[in-house]
Amino acid sequence: METMTWEQLEEQIRQCSRCPLCRGINHKVPGQGDRSAPLMLIGEGPGYQEDQQGLAFVGPAGQLLTRMLLSMGMPRDRVYICNTVKCRPPENRTPEPGETEACLPFLRAQTALVRPRVILLLGATAARVTLDPNIRISRDRGVWHQRSGVWMLATYHPSALLRDPSKKREAWTDMDAVRDKLMELGLYPDLYGEKAGGEP
């Protein structure tokens, strides 16, 4: 997909019927945040609250993510957040490969428009779509990858932390790594402010 304006991209997302996920939803969920942010977060797909509001990460997992970002001195409005698919899968199931493939041009277009320096991949689906279909989060989280000058790191999806709080410590380590990478690139703390401290 060629680089386009945000307005063109969001109109294409609104009109998209490339896969069956568009049937029976309330809202498409393109993503939101700072469109020129150096940090981009990619999750799996919209849930119930996201489908109701048309916004990414506004349910319980999104509230946890907000706390995680704030505790690192990164307000949500200073990052860009989106998902691999823009429509809620039925019963919040994992998106199927054909569904993520149908939405991949939109994700690539968003990345081209944002031009982030660092991407945090939230969960296995985002990591597999973006990096490698064989990635396992429990094995491969916390490892930096560089693609076309962009640093990418996979960590647990916030919903996984809600199901299993014992994973929070590893996720916290990954958030530290993101902060350190932004600092290494000269984007922290000047951009985001000092670390607030304290686990969410």
N, C-alpha and C. Protein backbone atom coordinates (compact mmCIF):
# COMPACT_ATOMS: atom_id res chain seq x y z
N MET A 1 0.85 -1.18 0.00
CA MET A 1 0.00 0.00 0.00
C MET A 1 0.89 1.24 0.00
N GLU A 2 0.66 2.15 -0.92
CA GLU A 2 1.45 3.36 -1.00
C GLU A 2 1.12 4.26 0.19
N THR A 3 2.12 5.10 0.57
CA THR A 3 1.89 6.04 1.64
C THR A 3 0.75 6.98 1.26
N MET A 4 -0.14 7.20 2.19
CA MET A 4 -1.32 8.03 1.94
C MET A 4 -1.52 8.94 3.13
N THR A 5 -2.51 9.80 3.06
CA THR A 5 -2.81 10.65 4.20
C THR A 5 -3.57 9.86 5.25
N TRP A 6 -3.60 10.40 6.47
CA TRP A 6 -4.36 9.76 7.53
C TRP A 6 -5.84 9.68 7.16
N GLU A 7 -6.33 10.75 6.55
CA GLU A 7 -7.75 10.77 6.17
C GLU A 7 -8.05 9.66 5.16
N GLN A 8 -7.18 9.48 4.19
CA GLN A 8 -7.39 8.42 3.20
C GLN A 8 -7.32 7.04 3.85
N LEU A 9 -6.36 6.86 4.73
CA LEU A 9 -6.20 5.57 5.40
C LEU A 9 -7.42 5.24 6.25
N GLU A 10 -7.88 6.19 7.05
CA GLU A 10 -9.01 5.91 7.93
C GLU A 10 -10.29 5.70 7.14
N GLU A 11 -10.42 6.36 6.00
CA GLU A 11 -11.59 6.11 5.15
C GLU A 11 -11.54 4.71 4.57
N GLN A 12 -10.37 4.25 4.15
CA GLN A 12 -10.23 2.88 3.65
C GLN A 12 -10.56 1.87 4.74
N ILE A 13 -10.13 2.14 5.96
CA ILE A 13 -10.45 1.24 7.07
C ILE A 13 -11.95 1.21 7.31
N ARG A 14 -12.59 2.36 7.30
CA ARG A 14 -14.05 2.42 7.51
C ARG A 14 -14.81 1.62 6.45
N GLN A 15 -14.34 1.66 5.22
CA GLN A 15 -15.04 1.01 4.12
C GLN A 15 -14.62 -0.45 3.92
N CYS A 16 -13.64 -0.91 4.68
CA CYS A 16 -13.05 -2.23 4.42
C CYS A 16 -14.04 -3.37 4.66
N SER A 17 -14.06 -4.31 3.73
CA SER A 17 -14.81 -5.56 3.89
C SER A 17 -13.98 -6.72 3.38
N ARG A 18 -12.67 -6.65 3.61
CA ARG A 18 -11.74 -7.65 3.08
C ARG A 18 -11.86 -9.00 3.78
N CYS A 19 -12.40 -9.01 5.00
CA CYS A 19 -12.58 -10.28 5.71
C CYS A 19 -13.89 -10.23 6.48
N PRO A 20 -14.37 -11.36 6.97
CA PRO A 20 -15.68 -11.40 7.63
C PRO A 20 -15.77 -10.66 8.96
N LEU A 21 -14.64 -10.23 9.54
CA LEU A 21 -14.70 -9.56 10.83
C LEU A 21 -15.53 -8.29 10.81
N CYS A 22 -15.69 -7.68 9.63
CA CYS A 22 -16.43 -6.42 9.55
C CYS A 22 -17.94 -6.60 9.78
N ARG A 23 -18.40 -7.86 9.76
CA ARG A 23 -19.83 -8.11 9.92
C ARG A 23 -20.20 -8.16 11.40
N GLY A 24 -21.22 -7.43 11.77
CA GLY A 24 -21.74 -7.52 13.13
C GLY A 24 -20.98 -6.71 14.16
N ILE A 25 -20.08 -5.85 13.75
CA ILE A 25 -19.38 -5.01 14.72
C ILE A 25 -20.11 -3.68 14.88
N ASN A 26 -19.77 -2.96 15.92
CA ASN A 26 -20.33 -1.62 16.12
C ASN A 26 -19.45 -0.55 15.50
N HIS A 27 -18.13 -0.69 15.69
CA HIS A 27 -17.20 0.31 15.17
C HIS A 27 -15.91 -0.35 14.68
N LYS A 28 -15.36 0.19 13.62
CA LYS A 28 -13.96 -0.10 13.29
C LYS A 28 -13.10 0.64 14.32
N VAL A 29 -11.93 0.08 14.61
CA VAL A 29 -11.03 0.67 15.61
C VAL A 29 -9.66 0.87 14.96
N PRO A 30 -9.46 2.00 14.28
CA PRO A 30 -8.19 2.21 13.58
C PRO A 30 -6.99 2.34 14.52
N GLY A 31 -7.18 3.03 15.63
CA GLY A 31 -6.07 3.34 16.53
C GLY A 31 -6.09 4.82 16.83
N GLN A 32 -5.28 5.23 17.80
CA GLN A 32 -5.26 6.64 18.16
C GLN A 32 -3.98 6.98 18.92
N GLY A 33 -3.77 8.28 19.08
CA GLY A 33 -2.60 8.76 19.81
C GLY A 33 -1.84 9.79 19.02
N ASP A 34 -0.58 9.97 19.39
CA ASP A 34 0.30 10.93 18.74
C ASP A 34 0.75 10.37 17.40
N ARG A 35 0.34 11.01 16.32
CA ARG A 35 0.62 10.47 14.98
C ARG A 35 2.06 10.69 14.53
N SER A 36 2.85 11.34 15.35
CA SER A 36 4.28 11.47 15.04
C SER A 36 5.12 10.98 16.22
N ALA A 37 4.54 10.06 17.00
CA ALA A 37 5.22 9.55 18.20
C ALA A 37 6.41 8.68 17.83
N PRO A 38 7.50 8.77 18.57
CA PRO A 38 8.62 7.86 18.34
C PRO A 38 8.35 6.45 18.86
N LEU A 39 7.32 6.31 19.71
CA LEU A 39 6.96 5.00 20.27
C LEU A 39 5.57 4.60 19.79
N MET A 40 5.49 3.45 19.15
CA MET A 40 4.23 2.90 18.65
C MET A 40 3.97 1.57 19.35
N LEU A 41 2.74 1.34 19.77
CA LEU A 41 2.35 0.10 20.41
C LEU A 41 1.35 -0.62 19.51
N ILE A 42 1.57 -1.91 19.29
CA ILE A 42 0.68 -2.70 18.45
C ILE A 42 0.15 -3.87 19.27
N GLY A 43 -1.17 -3.97 19.37
CA GLY A 43 -1.80 -5.08 20.07
C GLY A 43 -2.45 -6.06 19.11
N GLU A 44 -3.38 -6.84 19.63
CA GLU A 44 -3.98 -7.92 18.85
C GLU A 44 -5.21 -7.45 18.08
N GLY A 45 -6.27 -7.08 18.80
CA GLY A 45 -7.50 -6.66 18.15
C GLY A 45 -8.43 -6.03 19.16
N PRO A 46 -9.46 -5.34 18.71
CA PRO A 46 -10.40 -4.70 19.62
C PRO A 46 -11.18 -5.73 20.43
N GLY A 47 -11.52 -5.35 21.66
CA GLY A 47 -12.41 -6.13 22.49
C GLY A 47 -13.78 -5.48 22.56
N TYR A 48 -14.57 -5.86 23.55
CA TYR A 48 -15.94 -5.35 23.66
C TYR A 48 -15.98 -3.83 23.80
N GLN A 49 -15.22 -3.30 24.77
CA GLN A 49 -15.25 -1.86 25.02
C GLN A 49 -14.71 -1.08 23.82
N GLU A 50 -13.68 -1.62 23.19
CA GLU A 50 -13.11 -0.97 22.02
C GLU A 50 -14.11 -0.92 20.88
N ASP A 51 -14.84 -2.01 20.69
CA ASP A 51 -15.86 -2.07 19.65
C ASP A 51 -17.00 -1.08 19.94
N GLN A 52 -17.31 -0.91 21.21
CA GLN A 52 -18.37 0.03 21.58
C GLN A 52 -17.96 1.48 21.34
N GLN A 53 -16.70 1.78 21.61
CA GLN A 53 -16.25 3.18 21.57
C GLN A 53 -15.48 3.55 20.30
N GLY A 54 -15.01 2.56 19.57
CA GLY A 54 -14.21 2.84 18.39
C GLY A 54 -12.79 3.29 18.71
N LEU A 55 -12.32 2.97 19.92
CA LEU A 55 -10.99 3.37 20.36
C LEU A 55 -10.21 2.14 20.81
N ALA A 56 -8.91 2.14 20.58
CA ALA A 56 -8.06 1.01 20.95
C ALA A 56 -7.68 1.07 22.43
N PHE A 57 -7.67 -0.08 23.08
CA PHE A 57 -7.19 -0.24 24.45
C PHE A 57 -7.88 0.70 25.43
N VAL A 58 -9.21 0.56 25.54
CA VAL A 58 -9.96 1.35 26.51
C VAL A 58 -10.67 0.47 27.55
N GLY A 59 -10.62 -0.86 27.37
CA GLY A 59 -11.19 -1.77 28.35
C GLY A 59 -10.23 -2.00 29.50
N PRO A 60 -10.45 -3.05 30.30
CA PRO A 60 -9.57 -3.33 31.45
C PRO A 60 -8.10 -3.47 31.07
N ALA A 61 -7.81 -4.16 29.95
CA ALA A 61 -6.41 -4.30 29.52
C ALA A 61 -5.83 -2.94 29.14
N GLY A 62 -6.64 -2.11 28.52
CA GLY A 62 -6.18 -0.78 28.15
C GLY A 62 -5.92 0.09 29.36
N GLN A 63 -6.75 -0.06 30.39
CA GLN A 63 -6.53 0.71 31.61
C GLN A 63 -5.22 0.30 32.28
N LEU A 64 -4.92 -1.00 32.26
CA LEU A 64 -3.64 -1.46 32.79
C LEU A 64 -2.49 -0.90 31.95
N LEU A 65 -2.65 -0.92 30.64
CA LEU A 65 -1.60 -0.39 29.77
C LEU A 65 -1.36 1.09 30.05
N THR A 66 -2.41 1.84 30.26
CA THR A 66 -2.27 3.26 30.59
C THR A 66 -1.45 3.44 31.85
N ARG A 67 -1.73 2.63 32.88
CA ARG A 67 -0.98 2.73 34.13
C ARG A 67 0.48 2.35 33.93
N MET A 68 0.71 1.34 33.10
CA MET A 68 2.08 0.93 32.82
C MET A 68 2.86 2.05 32.13
N LEU A 69 2.23 2.68 31.16
CA LEU A 69 2.89 3.77 30.45
C LEU A 69 3.15 4.95 31.38
N LEU A 70 2.14 5.32 32.15
CA LEU A 70 2.29 6.47 33.04
C LEU A 70 3.38 6.24 34.09
N SER A 71 3.47 5.02 34.57
CA SER A 71 4.48 4.72 35.59
C SER A 71 5.89 4.84 35.02
N MET A 72 6.01 4.78 33.69
CA MET A 72 7.30 4.97 33.04
C MET A 72 7.47 6.40 32.55
N GLY A 73 6.53 7.28 32.89
CA GLY A 73 6.62 8.66 32.45
C GLY A 73 6.21 8.86 31.01
N MET A 74 5.35 7.97 30.47
CA MET A 74 4.93 8.04 29.08
C MET A 74 3.42 8.17 29.00
N PRO A 75 2.88 9.38 28.95
CA PRO A 75 1.42 9.54 28.82
C PRO A 75 0.92 8.91 27.54
N ARG A 76 -0.28 8.37 27.60
CA ARG A 76 -0.85 7.70 26.41
C ARG A 76 -0.95 8.61 25.21
N ASP A 77 -1.19 9.88 25.45
CA ASP A 77 -1.37 10.78 24.31
C ASP A 77 -0.05 11.13 23.63
N ARG A 78 1.07 10.60 24.17
CA ARG A 78 2.37 10.84 23.54
C ARG A 78 2.89 9.60 22.82
N VAL A 79 2.07 8.55 22.73
CA VAL A 79 2.43 7.36 21.95
C VAL A 79 1.29 7.09 20.97
N TYR A 80 1.55 6.23 19.98
CA TYR A 80 0.49 5.83 19.06
C TYR A 80 0.16 4.36 19.32
N ILE A 81 -1.14 4.07 19.46
CA ILE A 81 -1.59 2.72 19.81
C ILE A 81 -2.56 2.21 18.76
N CYS A 82 -2.34 0.98 18.28
CA CYS A 82 -3.25 0.37 17.33
C CYS A 82 -3.21 -1.15 17.51
N ASN A 83 -3.92 -1.87 16.65
CA ASN A 83 -3.98 -3.33 16.70
C ASN A 83 -3.70 -3.93 15.33
N THR A 84 -3.44 -5.23 15.34
CA THR A 84 -3.19 -5.91 14.07
C THR A 84 -4.44 -5.98 13.21
N VAL A 85 -5.62 -6.12 13.85
CA VAL A 85 -6.89 -6.07 13.12
C VAL A 85 -7.72 -4.93 13.68
N LYS A 86 -8.55 -4.35 12.83
CA LYS A 86 -9.30 -3.15 13.20
C LYS A 86 -10.75 -3.44 13.55
N CYS A 87 -11.16 -4.70 13.49
CA CYS A 87 -12.52 -5.11 13.85
C CYS A 87 -12.44 -6.15 14.96
N ARG A 88 -13.40 -6.14 15.85
CA ARG A 88 -13.41 -7.09 16.97
C ARG A 88 -13.71 -8.50 16.48
N PRO A 89 -12.83 -9.47 16.75
CA PRO A 89 -13.15 -10.87 16.45
C PRO A 89 -14.27 -11.35 17.37
N PRO A 90 -15.14 -12.23 16.89
CA PRO A 90 -16.25 -12.73 17.72
C PRO A 90 -15.75 -13.32 19.04
N GLU A 91 -16.42 -12.94 20.13
CA GLU A 91 -16.08 -13.43 21.47
C GLU A 91 -14.63 -13.16 21.85
N ASN A 92 -14.04 -12.15 21.22
CA ASN A 92 -12.64 -11.76 21.52
C ASN A 92 -11.63 -12.88 21.22
N ARG A 93 -11.98 -13.76 20.29
CA ARG A 93 -11.04 -14.83 19.94
C ARG A 93 -9.81 -14.23 19.25
N THR A 94 -8.75 -15.05 19.15
CA THR A 94 -7.54 -14.63 18.46
C THR A 94 -7.83 -14.47 16.97
N PRO A 95 -7.38 -13.38 16.34
CA PRO A 95 -7.60 -13.22 14.89
C PRO A 95 -6.95 -14.37 14.12
N GLU A 96 -7.64 -14.81 13.07
CA GLU A 96 -7.10 -15.87 12.23
C GLU A 96 -6.09 -15.30 11.24
N PRO A 97 -5.19 -16.15 10.72
CA PRO A 97 -4.16 -15.64 9.80
C PRO A 97 -4.72 -14.87 8.61
N GLY A 98 -5.83 -15.32 8.03
CA GLY A 98 -6.41 -14.61 6.90
C GLY A 98 -6.91 -13.23 7.30
N GLU A 99 -7.34 -13.09 8.54
CA GLU A 99 -7.84 -11.80 9.02
C GLU A 99 -6.70 -10.83 9.26
N THR A 100 -5.63 -11.29 9.88
CA THR A 100 -4.48 -10.41 10.09
C THR A 100 -3.83 -10.05 8.75
N GLU A 101 -3.83 -10.99 7.82
CA GLU A 101 -3.26 -10.72 6.50
C GLU A 101 -4.08 -9.65 5.77
N ALA A 102 -5.40 -9.71 5.90
CA ALA A 102 -6.26 -8.71 5.26
C ALA A 102 -6.02 -7.32 5.82
N CYS A 103 -5.70 -7.23 7.11
CA CYS A 103 -5.49 -5.94 7.76
C CYS A 103 -4.04 -5.46 7.70
N LEU A 104 -3.13 -6.33 7.29
CA LEU A 104 -1.71 -5.97 7.33
C LEU A 104 -1.37 -4.72 6.53
N PRO A 105 -1.97 -4.50 5.34
CA PRO A 105 -1.66 -3.25 4.63
C PRO A 105 -2.00 -2.00 5.43
N PHE A 106 -3.06 -2.06 6.24
CA PHE A 106 -3.42 -0.91 7.07
C PHE A 106 -2.36 -0.68 8.15
N LEU A 107 -1.90 -1.77 8.77
CA LEU A 107 -0.87 -1.66 9.81
C LEU A 107 0.42 -1.10 9.22
N ARG A 108 0.78 -1.57 8.03
CA ARG A 108 1.99 -1.06 7.38
C ARG A 108 1.84 0.41 7.04
N ALA A 109 0.65 0.81 6.60
CA ALA A 109 0.43 2.21 6.27
C ALA A 109 0.50 3.08 7.52
N GLN A 110 -0.05 2.61 8.62
CA GLN A 110 0.03 3.36 9.86
C GLN A 110 1.48 3.55 10.30
N THR A 111 2.26 2.47 10.20
CA THR A 111 3.66 2.56 10.59
C THR A 111 4.41 3.53 9.70
N ALA A 112 4.11 3.52 8.40
CA ALA A 112 4.76 4.45 7.48
C ALA A 112 4.40 5.90 7.79
N LEU A 113 3.17 6.13 8.24
CA LEU A 113 2.75 7.49 8.56
C LEU A 113 3.32 7.97 9.89
N VAL A 114 3.32 7.10 10.90
CA VAL A 114 3.83 7.48 12.21
C VAL A 114 5.36 7.61 12.18
N ARG A 115 6.01 6.70 11.48
CA ARG A 115 7.47 6.64 11.40
C ARG A 115 8.09 6.54 12.80
N PRO A 116 7.68 5.53 13.59
CA PRO A 116 8.21 5.40 14.95
C PRO A 116 9.67 4.98 14.94
N ARG A 117 10.35 5.27 16.01
CA ARG A 117 11.72 4.78 16.20
C ARG A 117 11.72 3.46 16.97
N VAL A 118 10.67 3.26 17.81
CA VAL A 118 10.56 2.06 18.63
C VAL A 118 9.13 1.55 18.54
N ILE A 119 8.97 0.23 18.40
CA ILE A 119 7.65 -0.39 18.40
C ILE A 119 7.60 -1.45 19.50
N LEU A 120 6.60 -1.35 20.37
CA LEU A 120 6.37 -2.35 21.40
C LEU A 120 5.21 -3.23 20.94
N LEU A 121 5.48 -4.52 20.80
CA LEU A 121 4.49 -5.48 20.31
C LEU A 121 3.85 -6.17 21.51
N LEU A 122 2.54 -5.97 21.65
CA LEU A 122 1.81 -6.46 22.81
C LEU A 122 1.15 -7.80 22.50
N GLY A 123 1.80 -8.88 22.89
CA GLY A 123 1.22 -10.20 22.71
C GLY A 123 1.72 -10.94 21.49
N ALA A 124 1.38 -12.24 21.46
CA ALA A 124 1.90 -13.12 20.42
C ALA A 124 1.41 -12.76 19.03
N THR A 125 0.14 -12.38 18.90
CA THR A 125 -0.39 -12.08 17.57
C THR A 125 0.37 -10.93 16.93
N ALA A 126 0.56 -9.85 17.67
CA ALA A 126 1.29 -8.70 17.13
C ALA A 126 2.72 -9.07 16.78
N ALA A 127 3.35 -9.87 17.63
CA ALA A 127 4.74 -10.26 17.37
C ALA A 127 4.84 -11.17 16.15
N ARG A 128 3.89 -12.08 16.00
CA ARG A 128 3.94 -13.01 14.86
C ARG A 128 3.64 -12.30 13.55
N VAL A 129 2.69 -11.38 13.58
CA VAL A 129 2.35 -10.64 12.36
C VAL A 129 3.49 -9.73 11.94
N THR A 130 4.14 -9.12 12.91
CA THR A 130 5.14 -8.09 12.62
C THR A 130 6.55 -8.65 12.45
N LEU A 131 6.89 -9.67 13.24
CA LEU A 131 8.27 -10.15 13.25
C LEU A 131 8.46 -11.54 12.64
N ASP A 132 7.77 -12.52 13.21
CA ASP A 132 8.05 -13.91 12.82
C ASP A 132 6.85 -14.77 13.24
N PRO A 133 6.29 -15.55 12.32
CA PRO A 133 5.11 -16.37 12.67
C PRO A 133 5.40 -17.45 13.69
N ASN A 134 6.68 -17.73 13.96
CA ASN A 134 7.03 -18.78 14.91
C ASN A 134 7.37 -18.26 16.30
N ILE A 135 7.19 -16.97 16.53
CA ILE A 135 7.52 -16.40 17.84
C ILE A 135 6.60 -16.95 18.93
N ARG A 136 7.19 -17.21 20.08
CA ARG A 136 6.44 -17.55 21.29
C ARG A 136 6.80 -16.51 22.34
N ILE A 137 5.80 -15.83 22.87
CA ILE A 137 6.05 -14.74 23.79
C ILE A 137 6.80 -15.21 25.03
N SER A 138 6.42 -16.35 25.59
CA SER A 138 7.08 -16.84 26.80
C SER A 138 8.57 -17.10 26.58
N ARG A 139 8.94 -17.39 25.35
CA ARG A 139 10.34 -17.69 25.02
C ARG A 139 11.08 -16.47 24.46
N ASP A 140 10.38 -15.66 23.67
CA ASP A 140 11.05 -14.64 22.86
C ASP A 140 10.79 -13.20 23.29
N ARG A 141 10.00 -13.00 24.34
CA ARG A 141 9.75 -11.63 24.79
C ARG A 141 11.05 -11.00 25.30
N GLY A 142 11.10 -9.68 25.22
CA GLY A 142 12.24 -8.96 25.77
C GLY A 142 13.47 -8.93 24.90
N VAL A 143 13.37 -9.44 23.67
CA VAL A 143 14.52 -9.47 22.75
C VAL A 143 14.33 -8.40 21.68
N TRP A 144 15.33 -7.55 21.50
CA TRP A 144 15.23 -6.49 20.51
C TRP A 144 15.47 -7.01 19.10
N HIS A 145 14.69 -6.49 18.17
CA HIS A 145 14.86 -6.75 16.74
C HIS A 145 14.90 -5.40 16.04
N GLN A 146 15.71 -5.29 15.00
CA GLN A 146 15.74 -4.05 14.24
C GLN A 146 15.36 -4.33 12.80
N ARG A 147 14.35 -3.62 12.33
CA ARG A 147 13.87 -3.76 10.96
C ARG A 147 13.77 -2.36 10.33
N SER A 148 14.50 -2.17 9.25
CA SER A 148 14.46 -0.89 8.51
C SER A 148 14.68 0.30 9.44
N GLY A 149 15.61 0.13 10.38
CA GLY A 149 15.95 1.22 11.28
C GLY A 149 15.02 1.39 12.46
N VAL A 150 14.00 0.52 12.59
CA VAL A 150 13.04 0.61 13.69
C VAL A 150 13.34 -0.51 14.69
N TRP A 151 13.43 -0.15 15.97
CA TRP A 151 13.65 -1.14 17.02
C TRP A 151 12.32 -1.69 17.50
N MET A 152 12.22 -3.04 17.56
CA MET A 152 10.98 -3.69 17.95
C MET A 152 11.23 -4.67 19.09
N LEU A 153 10.32 -4.66 20.05
CA LEU A 153 10.41 -5.56 21.19
C LEU A 153 9.03 -6.11 21.50
N ALA A 154 8.96 -7.41 21.73
CA ALA A 154 7.69 -8.07 22.06
C ALA A 154 7.59 -8.29 23.57
N THR A 155 6.39 -8.12 24.09
CA THR A 155 6.13 -8.38 25.50
C THR A 155 4.73 -8.97 25.64
N TYR A 156 4.34 -9.26 26.87
CA TYR A 156 3.01 -9.81 27.10
C TYR A 156 1.92 -8.78 26.80
N HIS A 157 0.80 -9.25 26.30
CA HIS A 157 -0.36 -8.39 26.14
C HIS A 157 -0.90 -8.07 27.54
N PRO A 158 -1.37 -6.84 27.77
CA PRO A 158 -1.90 -6.53 29.10
C PRO A 158 -3.00 -7.48 29.56
N SER A 159 -3.80 -8.03 28.65
CA SER A 159 -4.85 -8.97 29.07
C SER A 159 -4.23 -10.23 29.68
N ALA A 160 -3.04 -10.62 29.19
CA ALA A 160 -2.35 -11.78 29.78
C ALA A 160 -1.90 -11.47 31.20
N LEU A 161 -1.54 -10.22 31.45
CA LEU A 161 -1.12 -9.82 32.80
C LEU A 161 -2.32 -9.81 33.75
N LEU A 162 -3.50 -9.49 33.23
CA LEU A 162 -4.70 -9.54 34.06
C LEU A 162 -5.05 -10.98 34.42
N ARG A 163 -4.83 -11.90 33.47
CA ARG A 163 -5.12 -13.31 33.74
C ARG A 163 -4.07 -13.93 34.65
N ASP A 164 -2.81 -13.49 34.51
CA ASP A 164 -1.70 -14.09 35.27
C ASP A 164 -0.78 -12.96 35.76
N PRO A 165 -1.10 -12.38 36.92
CA PRO A 165 -0.30 -11.26 37.44
C PRO A 165 1.17 -11.61 37.68
N SER A 166 1.51 -12.89 37.76
CA SER A 166 2.91 -13.27 37.99
C SER A 166 3.80 -12.86 36.81
N LYS A 167 3.19 -12.60 35.65
CA LYS A 167 3.96 -12.17 34.49
C LYS A 167 4.30 -10.68 34.51
N LYS A 168 3.73 -9.95 35.46
CA LYS A 168 3.93 -8.51 35.49
C LYS A 168 5.40 -8.12 35.65
N ARG A 169 6.15 -8.89 36.42
CA ARG A 169 7.55 -8.53 36.64
C ARG A 169 8.33 -8.56 35.33
N GLU A 170 8.08 -9.60 34.51
CA GLU A 170 8.76 -9.66 33.22
C GLU A 170 8.32 -8.52 32.31
N ALA A 171 7.02 -8.21 32.34
CA ALA A 171 6.52 -7.10 31.54
C ALA A 171 7.14 -5.79 31.99
N TRP A 172 7.34 -5.64 33.29
CA TRP A 172 7.95 -4.44 33.82
C TRP A 172 9.40 -4.31 33.32
N THR A 173 10.11 -5.43 33.28
CA THR A 173 11.46 -5.43 32.73
C THR A 173 11.46 -4.97 31.28
N ASP A 174 10.46 -5.41 30.52
CA ASP A 174 10.36 -5.01 29.12
C ASP A 174 10.07 -3.51 29.00
N MET A 175 9.24 -2.98 29.87
CA MET A 175 8.97 -1.54 29.83
C MET A 175 10.22 -0.75 30.17
N ASP A 176 11.02 -1.25 31.11
CA ASP A 176 12.30 -0.62 31.40
C ASP A 176 13.19 -0.61 30.16
N ALA A 177 13.17 -1.72 29.41
CA ALA A 177 13.99 -1.82 28.21
C ALA A 177 13.54 -0.80 27.16
N VAL A 178 12.24 -0.59 27.06
CA VAL A 178 11.72 0.41 26.12
C VAL A 178 12.19 1.79 26.53
N ARG A 179 12.07 2.10 27.82
CA ARG A 179 12.54 3.39 28.30
C ARG A 179 14.03 3.58 28.02
N ASP A 180 14.81 2.52 28.27
CA ASP A 180 16.26 2.61 28.04
C ASP A 180 16.58 2.80 26.56
N LYS A 181 15.80 2.14 25.68
CA LYS A 181 16.04 2.30 24.25
C LYS A 181 15.73 3.73 23.81
N LEU A 182 14.63 4.27 24.31
CA LEU A 182 14.28 5.66 23.99
C LEU A 182 15.36 6.61 24.50
N MET A 183 15.92 6.30 25.66
CA MET A 183 17.00 7.12 26.21
C MET A 183 18.24 7.01 25.32
N GLU A 184 18.56 5.78 24.91
CA GLU A 184 19.71 5.54 24.03
C GLU A 184 19.57 6.33 22.72
N LEU A 185 18.34 6.46 22.23
CA LEU A 185 18.08 7.16 20.98
C LEU A 185 17.93 8.67 21.17
N GLY A 186 18.10 9.12 22.41
CA GLY A 186 18.01 10.54 22.69
C GLY A 186 16.59 11.07 22.78
N LEU A 187 15.63 10.18 23.04
CA LEU A 187 14.21 10.57 23.07
C LEU A 187 13.62 10.55 24.46
N TYR A 188 14.42 10.24 25.46
CA TYR A 188 13.94 10.15 26.84
C TYR A 188 15.07 10.61 27.76
N PRO A 189 14.87 11.46 28.75
CA PRO A 189 13.58 11.90 29.25
C PRO A 189 13.04 13.18 28.63
N ASP A 190 13.77 13.80 27.71
CA ASP A 190 13.34 15.10 27.19
C ASP A 190 11.92 15.05 26.62
N LEU A 191 11.60 13.94 25.94
CA LEU A 191 10.29 13.84 25.30
C LEU A 191 9.20 13.49 26.29
N TYR A 192 9.50 12.57 27.18
CA TYR A 192 8.44 12.01 28.02
C TYR A 192 8.50 12.44 29.49
N GLY A 193 9.61 13.01 29.91
CA GLY A 193 9.72 13.38 31.32
C GLY A 193 10.35 12.27 32.13
N GLU A 194 10.63 12.54 33.37
CA GLU A 194 11.31 11.57 34.22
C GLU A 194 10.39 10.41 34.57
N LYS A 195 11.00 9.27 34.86
CA LYS A 195 10.23 8.09 35.27
C LYS A 195 9.43 8.38 36.53
N ALA A 196 8.16 8.05 36.48
CA ALA A 196 7.31 8.28 37.64
C ALA A 196 7.60 7.28 38.75
N GLY A 197 7.92 6.03 38.37
CA GLY A 197 8.27 5.02 39.33
C GLY A 197 7.07 4.27 39.88
N GLY A 198 7.32 3.03 40.29
CA GLY A 198 6.26 2.22 40.90
C GLY A 198 5.53 1.36 39.90
N GLU A 199 5.40 0.08 40.20
CA GLU A 199 4.69 -0.82 39.31
C GLU A 199 3.20 -0.52 39.36
N PRO A 200 2.50 -0.74 38.20
CA PRO A 200 1.05 -0.51 38.19
C PRO A 200 0.32 -1.59 38.95
